[in-house]
Structures are given as C-alpha cells and as structure tokens.
Amino acid sequence: MDITWMSFIIIVLFFIIVMESVRRGILETRDSLIWIFTCMVLGVLSLSRDLLAYLADILGIAYAPSLLFLFGLISTIIMIFDLTRRISKLNNKVTVLTQEFALLKEEQERMKQDKNEVRKKKI
C-alpha cells in the first residue's frame, strides 16, 4: 500500500473520530474547526499526487509525501499554541476567582464576628 493511501485512510478515520466527538459533545465546535480543516487539507493533498508533488517542489522537499507530515506538524503546533494560550487565560481567571473568594470569605467571617460581638453586648 502506498504511503499516500495509508495517510488518506488515517486521515478519514481521524475525521470520523473528530465528527463523532463533536456529536457527543466531547469536543467543542470551535475546537473542531481546525481539526476538520486539517483533515480536509491533508485528505486533498494525500489524494492529489500532482498537487502534492508541485507543492513539494516549490518548498524544496525531496520526498513529496513528507509534506503531509510537515503540514500535520505545523497544524499541531498551531493547536498546541492555541491551547496553551487558553490555559494561560483560564489560569489567570482561576487566580482572580480564588482571590475574590478569599476576600468574600474574610468579609463573611468579619461580619460573623461583628454579629457575635453585638450579641455579647446585648447580654
């Protein structure tokens, strides 16, 4: 079996996994768009040997099917960067929420102490 056909089969299987994950709610639609785009581009490139060879020649790649892996690697790096950015943003939100929670808890305890002091003064 040729490497391009093997790549196409793997891409189709991965596309099915992505679509099923979206359907079940495991993967958000926003996240799935880049995966779907990557699968479509890799699928077209793996089936079109002439286009793959043309792009490989332009980029100076000696073995055209390795362009598929290069595109997959670049897509993966973009996805990792996006996820890292989102994790950093969520980490900042968690820090702010933790600080706000601590302030609210402190305020609640202060109010409880004030209430106890008022009760003691009444007695």
N, C-alpha and C. Protein backbone atom coordinates (compact mmCIF):
# COMPACT_ATOMS: atom_id res chain seq x y z
N MET A 1 0.85 -1.18 0.00
CA MET A 1 0.00 0.00 0.00
C MET A 1 0.90 1.24 0.00
N ASP A 2 0.57 2.18 -0.84
CA ASP A 2 1.32 3.42 -0.98
C ASP A 2 1.13 4.30 0.26
N ILE A 3 2.16 5.09 0.62
CA ILE A 3 2.10 5.95 1.81
C ILE A 3 0.99 6.99 1.71
N THR A 4 0.70 7.48 0.50
CA THR A 4 -0.36 8.49 0.38
C THR A 4 -1.73 7.89 0.67
N TRP A 5 -1.97 6.64 0.22
CA TRP A 5 -3.25 6.00 0.51
C TRP A 5 -3.36 5.66 2.00
N MET A 6 -2.25 5.24 2.57
CA MET A 6 -2.25 4.95 4.00
C MET A 6 -2.55 6.23 4.79
N SER A 7 -1.95 7.34 4.37
CA SER A 7 -2.22 8.63 5.02
C SER A 7 -3.68 9.01 4.88
N PHE A 8 -4.24 8.81 3.69
CA PHE A 8 -5.64 9.16 3.46
C PHE A 8 -6.57 8.35 4.36
N ILE A 9 -6.29 7.07 4.52
CA ILE A 9 -7.13 6.21 5.37
C ILE A 9 -7.06 6.69 6.82
N ILE A 10 -5.86 7.01 7.28
CA ILE A 10 -5.68 7.50 8.65
C ILE A 10 -6.42 8.83 8.83
N ILE A 11 -6.33 9.69 7.83
CA ILE A 11 -7.00 11.00 7.90
C ILE A 11 -8.52 10.83 7.95
N VAL A 12 -9.05 9.94 7.15
CA VAL A 12 -10.50 9.70 7.15
C VAL A 12 -10.94 9.15 8.50
N LEU A 13 -10.18 8.21 9.06
CA LEU A 13 -10.52 7.67 10.38
C LEU A 13 -10.49 8.78 11.44
N PHE A 14 -9.48 9.63 11.36
CA PHE A 14 -9.37 10.73 12.32
C PHE A 14 -10.52 11.71 12.15
N PHE A 15 -10.90 11.98 10.90
CA PHE A 15 -12.04 12.86 10.63
C PHE A 15 -13.31 12.31 11.25
N ILE A 16 -13.51 11.01 11.14
CA ILE A 16 -14.69 10.37 11.73
C ILE A 16 -14.65 10.51 13.25
N ILE A 17 -13.48 10.34 13.85
CA ILE A 17 -13.34 10.50 15.31
C ILE A 17 -13.66 11.93 15.72
N VAL A 18 -13.18 12.91 14.97
CA VAL A 18 -13.47 14.32 15.28
C VAL A 18 -14.96 14.58 15.20
N MET A 19 -15.60 14.14 14.13
CA MET A 19 -17.03 14.39 13.96
C MET A 19 -17.85 13.70 15.06
N GLU A 20 -17.46 12.50 15.42
CA GLU A 20 -18.17 11.77 16.48
C GLU A 20 -17.97 12.47 17.83
N SER A 21 -16.79 13.00 18.06
CA SER A 21 -16.51 13.73 19.31
C SER A 21 -17.36 15.00 19.39
N VAL A 22 -17.53 15.67 18.28
CA VAL A 22 -18.38 16.87 18.26
C VAL A 22 -19.83 16.48 18.51
N ARG A 23 -20.26 15.41 17.88
CA ARG A 23 -21.64 14.96 18.03
C ARG A 23 -21.96 14.59 19.47
N ARG A 24 -21.01 13.94 20.15
CA ARG A 24 -21.22 13.53 21.55
C ARG A 24 -20.96 14.65 22.55
N GLY A 25 -20.46 15.78 22.07
CA GLY A 25 -20.21 16.90 22.97
C GLY A 25 -18.86 16.82 23.68
N ILE A 26 -18.01 15.92 23.26
CA ILE A 26 -16.68 15.78 23.87
C ILE A 26 -15.76 16.91 23.39
N LEU A 27 -15.92 17.30 22.14
CA LEU A 27 -15.09 18.33 21.53
C LEU A 27 -15.98 19.51 21.15
N GLU A 28 -15.57 20.70 21.52
CA GLU A 28 -16.34 21.89 21.18
C GLU A 28 -16.27 22.15 19.68
N THR A 29 -17.31 22.74 19.16
CA THR A 29 -17.37 23.04 17.73
C THR A 29 -16.23 23.96 17.33
N ARG A 30 -15.93 24.94 18.18
CA ARG A 30 -14.85 25.88 17.88
C ARG A 30 -13.52 25.16 17.72
N ASP A 31 -13.26 24.18 18.59
CA ASP A 31 -12.02 23.42 18.52
C ASP A 31 -12.00 22.48 17.32
N SER A 32 -13.16 22.00 16.96
CA SER A 32 -13.22 21.02 15.87
C SER A 32 -12.93 21.64 14.50
N LEU A 33 -13.15 22.94 14.36
CA LEU A 33 -12.96 23.57 13.04
C LEU A 33 -11.54 23.41 12.53
N ILE A 34 -10.55 23.62 13.40
CA ILE A 34 -9.17 23.49 12.94
C ILE A 34 -8.82 22.04 12.63
N TRP A 35 -9.41 21.10 13.41
CA TRP A 35 -9.18 19.69 13.12
C TRP A 35 -9.82 19.29 11.79
N ILE A 36 -11.04 19.77 11.55
CA ILE A 36 -11.72 19.46 10.29
C ILE A 36 -10.95 20.05 9.11
N PHE A 37 -10.51 21.32 9.26
CA PHE A 37 -9.72 21.96 8.20
C PHE A 37 -8.44 21.17 7.92
N THR A 38 -7.76 20.76 8.98
CA THR A 38 -6.53 19.98 8.82
C THR A 38 -6.80 18.67 8.11
N CYS A 39 -7.86 17.98 8.50
CA CYS A 39 -8.21 16.71 7.85
C CYS A 39 -8.52 16.91 6.37
N MET A 40 -9.26 17.98 6.06
CA MET A 40 -9.62 18.22 4.66
C MET A 40 -8.38 18.52 3.81
N VAL A 41 -7.51 19.38 4.32
CA VAL A 41 -6.31 19.73 3.55
C VAL A 41 -5.42 18.50 3.39
N LEU A 42 -5.20 17.77 4.47
CA LEU A 42 -4.38 16.56 4.37
C LEU A 42 -5.02 15.52 3.45
N GLY A 43 -6.36 15.41 3.49
CA GLY A 43 -7.05 14.47 2.60
C GLY A 43 -6.88 14.83 1.14
N VAL A 44 -7.02 16.12 0.82
CA VAL A 44 -6.85 16.58 -0.58
C VAL A 44 -5.41 16.37 -1.02
N LEU A 45 -4.48 16.74 -0.15
CA LEU A 45 -3.06 16.57 -0.52
C LEU A 45 -2.68 15.10 -0.68
N SER A 46 -3.24 14.24 0.15
CA SER A 46 -2.87 12.83 0.04
C SER A 46 -3.46 12.16 -1.20
N LEU A 47 -4.60 12.66 -1.68
CA LEU A 47 -5.20 12.07 -2.88
C LEU A 47 -4.66 12.67 -4.17
N SER A 48 -4.24 13.90 -4.14
CA SER A 48 -3.76 14.58 -5.33
C SER A 48 -2.24 14.55 -5.37
N ARG A 49 -1.71 13.54 -6.00
CA ARG A 49 -0.25 13.39 -6.07
C ARG A 49 0.41 14.54 -6.84
N ASP A 50 -0.27 15.01 -7.88
CA ASP A 50 0.31 16.10 -8.67
C ASP A 50 0.41 17.38 -7.84
N LEU A 51 -0.64 17.71 -7.12
CA LEU A 51 -0.63 18.89 -6.27
C LEU A 51 0.41 18.74 -5.16
N LEU A 52 0.47 17.55 -4.59
CA LEU A 52 1.45 17.28 -3.53
C LEU A 52 2.87 17.42 -4.06
N ALA A 53 3.12 16.87 -5.25
CA ALA A 53 4.46 16.97 -5.85
C ALA A 53 4.80 18.41 -6.21
N TYR A 54 3.81 19.15 -6.71
CA TYR A 54 4.02 20.56 -7.08
C TYR A 54 4.39 21.39 -5.84
N LEU A 55 3.61 21.22 -4.78
CA LEU A 55 3.89 21.97 -3.55
C LEU A 55 5.23 21.56 -2.94
N ALA A 56 5.55 20.27 -3.03
CA ALA A 56 6.83 19.79 -2.51
C ALA A 56 7.99 20.40 -3.29
N ASP A 57 7.84 20.50 -4.61
CA ASP A 57 8.88 21.13 -5.44
C ASP A 57 9.05 22.60 -5.08
N ILE A 58 7.94 23.30 -4.88
CA ILE A 58 8.02 24.72 -4.52
C ILE A 58 8.74 24.90 -3.19
N LEU A 59 8.45 24.01 -2.24
CA LEU A 59 9.04 24.12 -0.91
C LEU A 59 10.41 23.46 -0.80
N GLY A 60 10.85 22.80 -1.87
CA GLY A 60 12.16 22.16 -1.87
C GLY A 60 12.21 20.87 -1.08
N ILE A 61 11.09 20.16 -1.03
CA ILE A 61 11.02 18.90 -0.29
C ILE A 61 11.24 17.77 -1.29
N ALA A 62 12.22 16.92 -1.02
CA ALA A 62 12.60 15.87 -1.96
C ALA A 62 11.55 14.76 -2.03
N TYR A 63 11.01 14.36 -0.90
CA TYR A 63 10.03 13.28 -0.86
C TYR A 63 8.66 13.88 -0.59
N ALA A 64 7.83 13.95 -1.63
CA ALA A 64 6.56 14.67 -1.58
C ALA A 64 5.63 14.24 -0.43
N PRO A 65 5.47 12.95 -0.14
CA PRO A 65 4.57 12.58 0.97
C PRO A 65 4.99 13.14 2.33
N SER A 66 6.24 13.49 2.48
CA SER A 66 6.65 14.07 3.77
C SER A 66 6.04 15.46 3.97
N LEU A 67 5.54 16.07 2.89
CA LEU A 67 4.83 17.34 3.01
C LEU A 67 3.55 17.17 3.83
N LEU A 68 2.93 16.00 3.73
CA LEU A 68 1.74 15.72 4.54
C LEU A 68 2.08 15.79 6.03
N PHE A 69 3.20 15.20 6.39
CA PHE A 69 3.60 15.20 7.79
C PHE A 69 4.05 16.59 8.24
N LEU A 70 4.65 17.34 7.34
CA LEU A 70 5.03 18.71 7.67
C LEU A 70 3.79 19.55 7.95
N PHE A 71 2.78 19.43 7.09
CA PHE A 71 1.54 20.17 7.30
C PHE A 71 0.86 19.74 8.60
N GLY A 72 0.86 18.45 8.86
CA GLY A 72 0.29 17.95 10.12
C GLY A 72 1.03 18.48 11.32
N LEU A 73 2.34 18.53 11.23
CA LEU A 73 3.16 19.05 12.33
C LEU A 73 2.88 20.53 12.56
N ILE A 74 2.81 21.30 11.50
CA ILE A 74 2.53 22.73 11.63
C ILE A 74 1.14 22.95 12.23
N SER A 75 0.15 22.17 11.78
CA SER A 75 -1.20 22.28 12.34
C SER A 75 -1.20 21.94 13.83
N THR A 76 -0.45 20.92 14.19
CA THR A 76 -0.37 20.52 15.59
C THR A 76 0.28 21.60 16.44
N ILE A 77 1.32 22.22 15.94
CA ILE A 77 1.98 23.31 16.67
C ILE A 77 1.01 24.47 16.87
N ILE A 78 0.24 24.80 15.85
CA ILE A 78 -0.75 25.88 15.97
C ILE A 78 -1.79 25.52 17.03
N MET A 79 -2.26 24.28 17.02
CA MET A 79 -3.25 23.85 18.00
C MET A 79 -2.68 23.89 19.42
N ILE A 80 -1.45 23.44 19.58
CA ILE A 80 -0.82 23.46 20.91
C ILE A 80 -0.67 24.89 21.40
N PHE A 81 -0.27 25.80 20.52
CA PHE A 81 -0.15 27.20 20.92
C PHE A 81 -1.51 27.75 21.35
N ASP A 82 -2.55 27.46 20.59
CA ASP A 82 -3.89 27.94 20.93
C ASP A 82 -4.34 27.39 22.28
N LEU A 83 -4.10 26.12 22.52
CA LEU A 83 -4.49 25.52 23.80
C LEU A 83 -3.67 26.10 24.95
N THR A 84 -2.39 26.35 24.73
CA THR A 84 -1.55 26.95 25.76
C THR A 84 -2.04 28.36 26.09
N ARG A 85 -2.42 29.11 25.08
CA ARG A 85 -2.95 30.45 25.28
C ARG A 85 -4.24 30.40 26.10
N ARG A 86 -5.11 29.46 25.77
CA ARG A 86 -6.37 29.33 26.51
C ARG A 86 -6.14 28.89 27.95
N ILE A 87 -5.18 27.98 28.16
CA ILE A 87 -4.86 27.53 29.51
C ILE A 87 -4.35 28.70 30.34
N SER A 88 -3.50 29.53 29.76
CA SER A 88 -2.98 30.70 30.48
C SER A 88 -4.11 31.64 30.86
N LYS A 89 -5.02 31.86 29.93
CA LYS A 89 -6.16 32.74 30.19
C LYS A 89 -7.03 32.17 31.32
N LEU A 90 -7.29 30.87 31.28
CA LEU A 90 -8.09 30.24 32.33
C LEU A 90 -7.35 30.26 33.68
N ASN A 91 -6.04 30.10 33.65
CA ASN A 91 -5.25 30.15 34.87
C ASN A 91 -5.36 31.53 35.53
N ASN A 92 -5.32 32.58 34.71
CA ASN A 92 -5.50 33.93 35.23
C ASN A 92 -6.88 34.11 35.85
N LYS A 93 -7.90 33.57 35.19
CA LYS A 93 -9.26 33.66 35.73
C LYS A 93 -9.38 32.91 37.06
N VAL A 94 -8.75 31.75 37.16
CA VAL A 94 -8.79 30.98 38.41
C VAL A 94 -8.11 31.76 39.53
N THR A 95 -7.01 32.42 39.23
CA THR A 95 -6.31 33.22 40.23
C THR A 95 -7.20 34.35 40.72
N VAL A 96 -7.84 35.05 39.80
CA VAL A 96 -8.73 36.15 40.19
C VAL A 96 -9.91 35.63 41.02
N LEU A 97 -10.50 34.52 40.59
CA LEU A 97 -11.63 33.95 41.33
C LEU A 97 -11.21 33.50 42.73
N THR A 98 -10.03 32.93 42.85
CA THR A 98 -9.53 32.49 44.15
C THR A 98 -9.34 33.68 45.08
N GLN A 99 -8.78 34.75 44.54
CA GLN A 99 -8.58 35.96 45.35
C GLN A 99 -9.92 36.56 45.78
N GLU A 100 -10.88 36.63 44.86
CA GLU A 100 -12.19 37.16 45.19
C GLU A 100 -12.89 36.29 46.24
N PHE A 101 -12.75 34.99 46.11
CA PHE A 101 -13.34 34.06 47.08
C PHE A 101 -12.74 34.28 48.46
N ALA A 102 -11.42 34.43 48.52
CA ALA A 102 -10.76 34.65 49.81
C ALA A 102 -11.23 35.96 50.45
N LEU A 103 -11.39 37.00 49.65
CA LEU A 103 -11.88 38.27 50.18
C LEU A 103 -13.31 38.15 50.69
N LEU A 104 -14.15 37.46 49.94
CA LEU A 104 -15.54 37.27 50.38
C LEU A 104 -15.62 36.43 51.66
N LYS A 105 -14.78 35.41 51.74
CA LYS A 105 -14.76 34.58 52.94
C LYS A 105 -14.30 35.37 54.15
N GLU A 106 -13.29 36.20 53.96
CA GLU A 106 -12.80 37.05 55.04
C GLU A 106 -13.88 38.03 55.49
N GLU A 107 -14.57 38.61 54.53
CA GLU A 107 -15.65 39.55 54.84
C GLU A 107 -16.78 38.85 55.59
N GLN A 108 -17.10 37.64 55.19
CA GLN A 108 -18.15 36.87 55.85
C GLN A 108 -17.75 36.57 57.30
N GLU A 109 -16.51 36.18 57.52
CA GLU A 109 -16.05 35.90 58.88
C GLU A 109 -16.05 37.16 59.73
N ARG A 110 -15.69 38.28 59.16
CA ARG A 110 -15.70 39.55 59.88
C ARG A 110 -17.14 39.92 60.27
N MET A 111 -18.06 39.70 59.35
CA MET A 111 -19.46 40.00 59.66
C MET A 111 -19.98 39.08 60.76
N LYS A 112 -19.56 37.82 60.74
CA LYS A 112 -19.96 36.86 61.76
C LYS A 112 -19.42 37.30 63.13
N GLN A 113 -18.16 37.75 63.15
CA GLN A 113 -17.57 38.23 64.41
C GLN A 113 -18.29 39.47 64.91
N ASP A 114 -18.60 40.38 64.00
CA ASP A 114 -19.33 41.60 64.39
C ASP A 114 -20.70 41.24 64.97
N LYS A 115 -21.35 40.28 64.36
CA LYS A 115 -22.67 39.85 64.82
C LYS A 115 -22.56 39.23 66.22
N ASN A 116 -21.53 38.42 66.44
CA ASN A 116 -21.32 37.80 67.76
C ASN A 116 -21.01 38.86 68.81
N GLU A 117 -20.25 39.87 68.43
CA GLU A 117 -19.92 40.94 69.38
C GLU A 117 -21.18 41.74 69.76
N VAL A 118 -22.05 41.97 68.79
CA VAL A 118 -23.31 42.68 69.07
C VAL A 118 -24.17 41.86 70.02
N ARG A 119 -24.22 40.55 69.83
CA ARG A 119 -25.00 39.67 70.72
C ARG A 119 -24.44 39.71 72.14
N LYS A 120 -23.11 39.68 72.25
CA LYS A 120 -22.47 39.70 73.56
C LYS A 120 -22.75 41.03 74.28
N LYS A 121 -22.77 42.11 73.55
CA LYS A 121 -23.03 43.42 74.16
C LYS A 121 -24.47 43.52 74.66
N LYS A 122 -25.42 42.85 73.96
CA LYS A 122 -26.82 42.88 74.36
C LYS A 122 -27.05 42.11 75.65
N ILE A 123 -26.24 41.12 75.87
CA ILE A 123 -26.42 40.27 77.06
C ILE A 123 -25.78 40.88 78.23
